[in-house]
C-alpha atoms as a PDB file:
ATOM      1  CA  MET A   1     107.755  80.058  77.042  1.00  0.00           C
ATOM      2  CA  THR A   2     105.804  82.806  78.224  1.00  0.00           C
ATOM      3  CA  ILE A   3     107.830  85.359  76.511  1.00  0.00           C
ATOM      4  CA  ALA A   4     107.437  83.040  73.086  1.00  0.00           C
ATOM      5  CA  LEU A   5     103.705  82.798  73.697  1.00  0.00           C
ATOM      6  CA  ALA A   6     103.123  86.198  74.237  1.00  0.00           C
ATOM      7  CA  LYS A   7     105.434  87.310  71.231  1.00  0.00           C
ATOM      8  CA  LEU A   8     103.484  84.835  69.067  1.00  0.00           C
ATOM      9  CA  VAL A   9     100.177  86.595  70.065  1.00  0.00           C
ATOM     10  CA  ALA A  10     101.778  90.150  69.581  1.00  0.00           C
ATOM     11  CA  GLU A  11     102.981  88.961  65.609  1.00  0.00           C
ATOM     12  CA  ALA A  12      99.501  86.995  64.862  1.00  0.00           C
ATOM     13  CA  THR A  13      97.474  89.745  65.952  1.00  0.00           C
ATOM     14  CA  ASP A  14      96.513  93.615  65.814  1.00  0.00           C
ATOM     15  CA  HIS A  15      98.138  95.900  68.476  1.00  0.00           C
ATOM     16  CA  ASP A  16      94.878  96.042  71.087  1.00  0.00           C
ATOM     17  CA  ASP A  17      94.438  92.236  70.609  1.00  0.00           C
ATOM     18  CA  ALA A  18      97.844  91.646  71.785  1.00  0.00           C
ATOM     19  CA  GLU A  19      98.203  94.010  74.648  1.00  0.00           C
ATOM     20  CA  ARG A  20      94.747  92.478  75.794  1.00  0.00           C
ATOM     21  CA  VAL A  21      96.251  89.009  75.533  1.00  0.00           C
ATOM     22  CA  ALA A  22      99.464  89.900  77.163  1.00  0.00           C
ATOM     23  CA  ARG A  23      97.869  91.296  80.140  1.00  0.00           C
ATOM     24  CA  GLN A  24      95.270  87.903  79.994  1.00  0.00           C
ATOM     25  CA  ILE A  25      98.829  85.960  79.973  1.00  0.00           C
ATOM     26  CA  GLY A  26     100.564  87.939  82.583  1.00  0.00           C
ATOM     27  CA  GLU A  27      97.217  87.639  85.358  1.00  0.00           C
ATOM     28  CA  SER A  28      97.403  84.494  85.013  1.00  0.00           C
ATOM     29  CA  LEU A  29     101.024  83.355  85.467  1.00  0.00           C
ATOM     30  CA  PRO A  30     100.829  83.440  89.478  1.00  0.00           C
ATOM     31  CA  ALA A  31      98.031  80.636  89.333  1.00  0.00           C
ATOM     32  CA  LEU A  32      99.397  78.989  86.629  1.00  0.00           C
ATOM     33  CA  VAL A  33     103.077  78.565  89.101  1.00  0.00           C
ATOM     34  CA  GLU A  34     100.849  77.764  91.917  1.00  0.00           C
ATOM     35  CA  HIS A  35      99.275  74.829  90.256  1.00  0.00           C
ATOM     36  CA  LEU A  36     102.836  73.864  89.411  1.00  0.00           C
ATOM     37  CA  ILE A  37     104.478  74.208  92.574  1.00  0.00           C
ATOM     38  CA  ARG A  38     101.694  72.172  93.800  1.00  0.00           C
ATOM     39  CA  ASN A  39     101.779  69.431  92.201  1.00  0.00           C
ATOM     40  CA  ASP A  40     104.952  68.758  91.027  1.00  0.00           C
ATOM     41  CA  PRO A  41     106.746  66.190  93.524  1.00  0.00           C
ATOM     42  CA  PRO A  42     109.875  67.134  95.107  1.00  0.00           C
ATOM     43  CA  HIS A  43     113.247  66.203  93.377  1.00  0.00           C
END
């Protein structure tokens, strides 16, 4: 999903903006994963 999102951003913006947004996505991933793990009940 993240790769698809980054690809969409890259196609929709110029290179500098796409790189900046991709970097922000990468920086926010650990917090997102931690949030999902914390809030996902055991299976």
